[in-house]
Structure formats: structure tokens, C-alpha cells
Amino acid sequence: MARTKSRDLTEAELRLMDVLWKKSSATVAEVAESLPKQLGLAYNTVLTTMRILEDKGYVRHTKAKEGRAFVYHPRVDVRQARLRAVRHLARRLFDGSPSLLVLNVLEDEGIDPVERQRLKRLIEQA
């Protein structure tokens, strides 16, 4: 049986989205050029991932004014992507409960005390 396709971003997809969010639009070649060289991603790999991102609704493409290349544009901003990821995390690990997720963050002993206080203030203000 085929696996259900996830609408959430994979690590590889997130790397490409980071490039698009910074540039606001780019061709596949420009995205590939902007990625760390040590990843060693081929043009075709980046192209395939861009098509997957388009299928998931994260990007759209237009025809470049010159040449044959498509120009890709984010359809989802970074804030929307973060919200989707948090909702996904809450669904998967915290029974869909945002408060349980936040409680786990606040109870994390590794979190900086200043950051914990800042989070508590933000919660009180919300």
C-alpha cells in the first residue's frame, strides 16, 4: 500500500524554501547555486524537489522573461510554514494539544531561564 503523502516540509524541502524566502523568487539553477556546496545536490534533484514543493502548495512558478527557465515564488511565508509545523508536531506528539506542547517546552530543564521567563510573559500577554 502506498504511503500517504505528507503536506509537511522535509529537511531537504525546508533548505530550498529558506533560499526562496531569502530571495523571494529564483530559478532552479539559482536555488541550487545558493545551497551549501557540501550538500552536493544535482540540478535535477533540486528541480524534482521544487516540483514536489509546488505539488504541496508551497511554491508556484512563472515563466522567466528571458530564456526557458521557470521562476519559483513562495506561496507560503516562513510564518505560515512554522505554524503548519507546530500544528503538525502538536497533532503527532501531543494529542493535538498546543497547551501540552507549550508545557513540555516550559518544563525543559535545558531551556535558558531568561528564555523561559520571556515565554511565560508572552503566554500571560496572550
N, C-alpha and C. Protein backbone atom coordinates (compact mmCIF):
# COMPACT_ATOMS: atom_id res chain seq x y z
N MET A 1 0.84 -1.17 0.00
CA MET A 1 0.00 0.00 0.00
C MET A 1 0.89 1.24 0.00
N ALA A 2 0.52 2.23 -0.80
CA ALA A 2 1.32 3.46 -0.92
C ALA A 2 1.18 4.31 0.34
N ARG A 3 2.29 4.96 0.67
CA ARG A 3 2.32 5.83 1.83
C ARG A 3 1.54 7.11 1.54
N THR A 4 0.83 7.65 2.54
CA THR A 4 0.13 8.91 2.39
C THR A 4 1.16 10.02 2.25
N LYS A 5 0.96 10.89 1.26
CA LYS A 5 1.90 11.98 1.04
C LYS A 5 1.71 13.05 2.10
N SER A 6 2.80 13.45 2.71
CA SER A 6 2.76 14.47 3.75
C SER A 6 2.76 15.85 3.13
N ARG A 7 2.00 16.76 3.72
CA ARG A 7 2.00 18.15 3.26
C ARG A 7 3.04 18.96 4.04
N ASP A 8 3.70 18.31 4.99
CA ASP A 8 4.70 18.99 5.81
C ASP A 8 6.04 19.01 5.08
N LEU A 9 6.88 19.98 5.43
CA LEU A 9 8.18 20.13 4.80
C LEU A 9 9.19 19.13 5.35
N THR A 10 9.92 18.49 4.46
CA THR A 10 11.05 17.67 4.86
C THR A 10 12.25 18.60 5.07
N GLU A 11 13.33 18.05 5.61
CA GLU A 11 14.55 18.85 5.79
C GLU A 11 15.06 19.39 4.45
N ALA A 12 15.06 18.54 3.44
CA ALA A 12 15.54 18.95 2.11
C ALA A 12 14.66 20.05 1.53
N GLU A 13 13.36 19.91 1.68
CA GLU A 13 12.44 20.92 1.16
C GLU A 13 12.60 22.24 1.91
N LEU A 14 12.81 22.14 3.21
CA LEU A 14 13.00 23.35 4.01
C LEU A 14 14.24 24.12 3.57
N ARG A 15 15.31 23.42 3.23
CA ARG A 15 16.52 24.10 2.75
C ARG A 15 16.23 24.92 1.50
N LEU A 16 15.44 24.36 0.59
CA LEU A 16 15.10 25.07 -0.64
C LEU A 16 14.16 26.24 -0.35
N MET A 17 13.21 26.02 0.56
CA MET A 17 12.30 27.10 0.93
C MET A 17 13.06 28.25 1.58
N ASP A 18 14.06 27.95 2.40
CA ASP A 18 14.87 29.01 3.01
C ASP A 18 15.49 29.90 1.95
N VAL A 19 15.98 29.29 0.88
CA VAL A 19 16.56 30.07 -0.23
C VAL A 19 15.49 30.95 -0.86
N LEU A 20 14.33 30.37 -1.13
CA LEU A 20 13.25 31.15 -1.76
C LEU A 20 12.75 32.27 -0.86
N TRP A 21 12.64 32.01 0.43
CA TRP A 21 12.20 33.07 1.34
C TRP A 21 13.20 34.22 1.36
N LYS A 22 14.48 33.91 1.31
CA LYS A 22 15.50 34.96 1.31
C LYS A 22 15.52 35.73 0.00
N LYS A 23 15.36 35.03 -1.11
CA LYS A 23 15.46 35.67 -2.42
C LYS A 23 14.12 36.20 -2.93
N SER A 24 13.03 35.72 -2.42
CA SER A 24 11.64 36.00 -2.81
C SER A 24 11.24 35.35 -4.15
N SER A 25 12.19 35.04 -5.00
CA SER A 25 11.93 34.24 -6.19
C SER A 25 13.29 33.81 -6.76
N ALA A 26 13.28 32.67 -7.45
CA ALA A 26 14.54 32.16 -8.01
C ALA A 26 14.25 31.04 -8.99
N THR A 27 15.18 30.86 -9.92
CA THR A 27 15.13 29.71 -10.81
C THR A 27 15.72 28.50 -10.07
N VAL A 28 15.56 27.34 -10.64
CA VAL A 28 16.14 26.13 -10.05
C VAL A 28 17.66 26.28 -9.96
N ALA A 29 18.26 26.81 -11.02
CA ALA A 29 19.72 26.99 -11.02
C ALA A 29 20.15 27.95 -9.91
N GLU A 30 19.39 29.02 -9.68
CA GLU A 30 19.74 29.98 -8.62
C GLU A 30 19.59 29.35 -7.24
N VAL A 31 18.56 28.53 -7.07
CA VAL A 31 18.38 27.84 -5.79
C VAL A 31 19.55 26.88 -5.57
N ALA A 32 19.86 26.09 -6.58
CA ALA A 32 20.95 25.11 -6.47
C ALA A 32 22.27 25.80 -6.15
N GLU A 33 22.50 26.94 -6.78
CA GLU A 33 23.73 27.71 -6.56
C GLU A 33 23.81 28.28 -5.15
N SER A 34 22.68 28.55 -4.53
CA SER A 34 22.63 29.15 -3.20
C SER A 34 22.77 28.13 -2.07
N LEU A 35 22.66 26.87 -2.39
CA LEU A 35 22.76 25.82 -1.37
C LEU A 35 24.22 25.56 -1.02
N PRO A 36 24.48 25.11 0.20
CA PRO A 36 25.86 24.77 0.58
C PRO A 36 26.44 23.73 -0.37
N LYS A 37 27.64 23.97 -0.82
CA LYS A 37 28.30 23.07 -1.80
C LYS A 37 28.49 21.66 -1.25
N GLN A 38 28.71 21.54 0.08
CA GLN A 38 28.95 20.21 0.66
C GLN A 38 27.73 19.29 0.55
N LEU A 39 26.54 19.86 0.28
CA LEU A 39 25.37 19.00 0.09
C LEU A 39 25.49 18.22 -1.22
N GLY A 40 26.16 18.83 -2.19
CA GLY A 40 26.37 18.16 -3.46
C GLY A 40 25.10 17.81 -4.20
N LEU A 41 24.10 18.67 -4.12
CA LEU A 41 22.83 18.38 -4.79
C LEU A 41 22.91 18.71 -6.27
N ALA A 42 22.50 17.77 -7.09
CA ALA A 42 22.47 17.96 -8.53
C ALA A 42 21.28 18.84 -8.91
N TYR A 43 21.39 19.49 -10.05
CA TYR A 43 20.32 20.33 -10.58
C TYR A 43 19.00 19.56 -10.62
N ASN A 44 19.05 18.31 -11.12
CA ASN A 44 17.82 17.52 -11.24
C ASN A 44 17.18 17.22 -9.89
N THR A 45 17.99 17.05 -8.87
CA THR A 45 17.46 16.82 -7.52
C THR A 45 16.73 18.05 -7.03
N VAL A 46 17.31 19.22 -7.26
CA VAL A 46 16.67 20.48 -6.85
C VAL A 46 15.38 20.67 -7.64
N LEU A 47 15.42 20.40 -8.94
CA LEU A 47 14.23 20.53 -9.79
C LEU A 47 13.11 19.62 -9.29
N THR A 48 13.43 18.37 -9.00
CA THR A 48 12.43 17.43 -8.51
C THR A 48 11.83 17.91 -7.19
N THR A 49 12.68 18.42 -6.30
CA THR A 49 12.19 18.90 -5.01
C THR A 49 11.32 20.14 -5.19
N MET A 50 11.67 21.01 -6.13
CA MET A 50 10.84 22.19 -6.40
C MET A 50 9.46 21.77 -6.91
N ARG A 51 9.43 20.75 -7.73
CA ARG A 51 8.13 20.25 -8.23
C ARG A 51 7.30 19.67 -7.09
N ILE A 52 7.96 18.98 -6.18
CA ILE A 52 7.24 18.44 -5.01
C ILE A 52 6.69 19.59 -4.17
N LEU A 53 7.49 20.61 -3.97
CA LEU A 53 7.04 21.79 -3.21
C LEU A 53 5.84 22.45 -3.88
N GLU A 54 5.86 22.45 -5.21
CA GLU A 54 4.72 23.02 -5.94
C GLU A 54 3.48 22.15 -5.75
N ASP A 55 3.65 20.83 -5.82
CA ASP A 55 2.53 19.92 -5.59
C ASP A 55 1.95 20.08 -4.18
N LYS A 56 2.81 20.35 -3.22
CA LYS A 56 2.37 20.54 -1.83
C LYS A 56 1.76 21.92 -1.60
N GLY A 57 1.90 22.82 -2.56
CA GLY A 57 1.31 24.15 -2.42
C GLY A 57 2.22 25.19 -1.78
N TYR A 58 3.49 24.87 -1.63
CA TYR A 58 4.42 25.81 -1.00
C TYR A 58 4.99 26.83 -1.99
N VAL A 59 5.09 26.46 -3.26
CA VAL A 59 5.63 27.37 -4.27
C VAL A 59 4.75 27.35 -5.51
N ARG A 60 4.95 28.35 -6.36
CA ARG A 60 4.33 28.39 -7.68
C ARG A 60 5.42 28.83 -8.65
N HIS A 61 5.22 28.59 -9.92
CA HIS A 61 6.23 29.02 -10.89
C HIS A 61 5.61 29.89 -11.97
N THR A 62 6.43 30.74 -12.53
CA THR A 62 6.06 31.56 -13.67
C THR A 62 7.16 31.40 -14.71
N LYS A 63 6.88 31.78 -15.92
CA LYS A 63 7.87 31.72 -17.00
C LYS A 63 8.78 32.93 -16.86
N ALA A 64 10.07 32.71 -16.99
CA ALA A 64 11.05 33.80 -16.94
C ALA A 64 10.84 34.71 -18.15
N LYS A 65 11.16 35.99 -17.97
CA LYS A 65 11.01 36.94 -19.08
C LYS A 65 11.93 36.60 -20.23
N GLU A 66 13.09 36.06 -19.90
CA GLU A 66 14.04 35.64 -20.92
C GLU A 66 14.42 34.18 -20.67
N GLY A 67 14.67 33.46 -21.74
CA GLY A 67 15.09 32.08 -21.60
C GLY A 67 13.93 31.13 -21.37
N ARG A 68 14.29 29.89 -21.05
CA ARG A 68 13.28 28.84 -20.89
C ARG A 68 13.01 28.49 -19.43
N ALA A 69 13.79 29.03 -18.52
CA ALA A 69 13.69 28.64 -17.11
C ALA A 69 12.40 29.15 -16.48
N PHE A 70 11.91 28.38 -15.52
CA PHE A 70 10.80 28.82 -14.69
C PHE A 70 11.38 29.57 -13.49
N VAL A 71 10.62 30.54 -13.02
CA VAL A 71 10.98 31.25 -11.80
C VAL A 71 10.00 30.80 -10.72
N TYR A 72 10.54 30.35 -9.60
CA TYR A 72 9.71 29.86 -8.49
C TYR A 72 9.53 30.94 -7.44
N HIS A 73 8.32 31.00 -6.90
CA HIS A 73 7.94 32.00 -5.89
C HIS A 73 7.29 31.29 -4.71
N PRO A 74 7.61 31.68 -3.49
CA PRO A 74 6.93 31.06 -2.34
C PRO A 74 5.45 31.43 -2.31
N ARG A 75 4.60 30.47 -2.04
CA ARG A 75 3.17 30.73 -1.85
C ARG A 75 2.85 30.78 -0.36
N VAL A 76 3.78 30.28 0.44
CA VAL A 76 3.62 30.22 1.89
C VAL A 76 4.80 30.97 2.49
N ASP A 77 4.53 31.93 3.38
CA ASP A 77 5.65 32.64 4.01
C ASP A 77 6.18 31.82 5.18
N VAL A 78 7.32 32.23 5.69
CA VAL A 78 8.00 31.46 6.74
C VAL A 78 7.11 31.32 7.98
N ARG A 79 6.37 32.36 8.30
CA ARG A 79 5.48 32.32 9.48
C ARG A 79 4.40 31.25 9.31
N GLN A 80 3.81 31.18 8.12
CA GLN A 80 2.79 30.16 7.85
C GLN A 80 3.39 28.76 7.92
N ALA A 81 4.59 28.60 7.40
CA ALA A 81 5.25 27.29 7.43
C ALA A 81 5.55 26.87 8.86
N ARG A 82 5.99 27.80 9.69
CA ARG A 82 6.25 27.49 11.09
C ARG A 82 4.97 27.07 11.80
N LEU A 83 3.89 27.78 11.53
CA LEU A 83 2.61 27.45 12.15
C LEU A 83 2.15 26.06 11.73
N ARG A 84 2.30 25.73 10.45
CA ARG A 84 1.95 24.39 9.99
C ARG A 84 2.78 23.33 10.70
N ALA A 85 4.08 23.61 10.86
CA ALA A 85 4.98 22.64 11.51
C ALA A 85 4.61 22.45 12.98
N VAL A 86 4.28 23.53 13.67
CA VAL A 86 3.89 23.43 15.08
C VAL A 86 2.58 22.65 15.21
N ARG A 87 1.63 22.92 14.34
CA ARG A 87 0.37 22.17 14.37
C ARG A 87 0.60 20.68 14.11
N HIS A 88 1.48 20.40 13.16
CA HIS A 88 1.82 19.01 12.85
C HIS A 88 2.45 18.33 14.07
N LEU A 89 3.38 19.01 14.71
CA LEU A 89 4.05 18.48 15.90
C LEU A 89 3.03 18.25 17.02
N ALA A 90 2.15 19.21 17.23
CA ALA A 90 1.13 19.06 18.28
C ALA A 90 0.23 17.86 17.99
N ARG A 91 -0.16 17.69 16.73
CA ARG A 91 -1.01 16.54 16.36
C ARG A 91 -0.30 15.22 16.59
N ARG A 92 0.95 15.15 16.15
CA ARG A 92 1.68 13.88 16.19
C ARG A 92 2.12 13.46 17.59
N LEU A 93 2.61 14.41 18.38
CA LEU A 93 3.24 14.04 19.65
C LEU A 93 2.49 14.49 20.90
N PHE A 94 1.53 15.40 20.74
CA PHE A 94 0.88 15.96 21.93
C PHE A 94 -0.64 15.88 21.85
N ASP A 95 -1.13 14.84 21.22
CA ASP A 95 -2.58 14.60 21.11
C ASP A 95 -3.34 15.81 20.60
N GLY A 96 -2.70 16.60 19.74
CA GLY A 96 -3.36 17.77 19.17
C GLY A 96 -3.48 18.94 20.13
N SER A 97 -2.81 18.86 21.26
CA SER A 97 -2.94 19.88 22.29
C SER A 97 -1.78 20.88 22.27
N PRO A 98 -2.04 22.12 21.82
CA PRO A 98 -0.98 23.13 21.85
C PRO A 98 -0.51 23.42 23.27
N SER A 99 -1.42 23.35 24.25
CA SER A 99 -1.02 23.65 25.63
C SER A 99 -0.06 22.57 26.16
N LEU A 100 -0.27 21.33 25.79
CA LEU A 100 0.64 20.26 26.20
C LEU A 100 2.02 20.46 25.56
N LEU A 101 2.05 20.89 24.32
CA LEU A 101 3.31 21.19 23.65
C LEU A 101 4.06 22.30 24.38
N VAL A 102 3.37 23.40 24.68
CA VAL A 102 3.98 24.54 25.37
C VAL A 102 4.44 24.14 26.76
N LEU A 103 3.64 23.36 27.45
CA LEU A 103 4.01 22.90 28.79
C LEU A 103 5.31 22.10 28.75
N ASN A 104 5.45 21.25 27.74
CA ASN A 104 6.69 20.48 27.60
C ASN A 104 7.89 21.38 27.33
N VAL A 105 7.70 22.43 26.58
CA VAL A 105 8.79 23.38 26.33
C VAL A 105 9.16 24.09 27.64
N LEU A 106 8.16 24.53 28.38
CA LEU A 106 8.42 25.25 29.63
C LEU A 106 9.07 24.37 30.69
N GLU A 107 8.77 23.08 30.66
CA GLU A 107 9.34 22.16 31.64
C GLU A 107 10.73 21.65 31.25
N ASP A 108 11.18 21.99 30.07
CA ASP A 108 12.50 21.55 29.61
C ASP A 108 13.58 22.20 30.46
N GLU A 109 14.32 21.38 31.19
CA GLU A 109 15.36 21.90 32.09
C GLU A 109 16.54 22.49 31.32
N GLY A 110 16.67 22.15 30.04
CA GLY A 110 17.77 22.65 29.24
C GLY A 110 17.52 24.05 28.68
N ILE A 111 16.30 24.54 28.83
CA ILE A 111 15.98 25.86 28.29
C ILE A 111 16.57 26.95 29.18
N ASP A 112 17.10 27.97 28.57
CA ASP A 112 17.70 29.09 29.28
C ASP A 112 16.64 29.75 30.18
N PRO A 113 16.97 30.02 31.46
CA PRO A 113 15.98 30.62 32.37
C PRO A 113 15.44 31.96 31.87
N VAL A 114 16.26 32.75 31.23
CA VAL A 114 15.80 34.04 30.70
C VAL A 114 14.77 33.80 29.59
N GLU A 115 15.04 32.81 28.73
CA GLU A 115 14.11 32.48 27.67
C GLU A 115 12.80 31.92 28.24
N ARG A 116 12.90 31.12 29.30
CA ARG A 116 11.70 30.58 29.95
C ARG A 116 10.83 31.72 30.48
N GLN A 117 11.45 32.70 31.13
CA GLN A 117 10.70 33.84 31.66
C GLN A 117 10.03 34.63 30.53
N ARG A 118 10.77 34.80 29.45
CA ARG A 118 10.23 35.52 28.29
C ARG A 118 9.00 34.79 27.75
N LEU A 119 9.08 33.46 27.65
CA LEU A 119 7.95 32.68 27.18
C LEU A 119 6.75 32.80 28.12
N LYS A 120 7.01 32.77 29.41
CA LYS A 120 5.92 32.89 30.38
C LYS A 120 5.23 34.24 30.25
N ARG A 121 6.01 35.30 30.06
CA ARG A 121 5.42 36.64 29.88
C ARG A 121 4.56 36.69 28.61
N LEU A 122 5.08 36.10 27.55
CA LEU A 122 4.31 36.07 26.29
C LEU A 122 2.99 35.32 26.46
N ILE A 123 3.02 34.23 27.21
CA ILE A 123 1.81 33.46 27.46
C ILE A 123 0.82 34.30 28.26
N GLU A 124 1.30 34.99 29.27
CA GLU A 124 0.42 35.83 30.09
C GLU A 124 -0.21 36.94 29.25
N GLN A 125 0.55 37.49 28.32
CA GLN A 125 0.04 38.57 27.49
C GLN A 125 -0.98 38.07 26.46
N ALA A 126 -0.84 36.81 26.06
CA ALA A 126 -1.75 36.24 25.06
C ALA A 126 -3.05 35.90 25.71
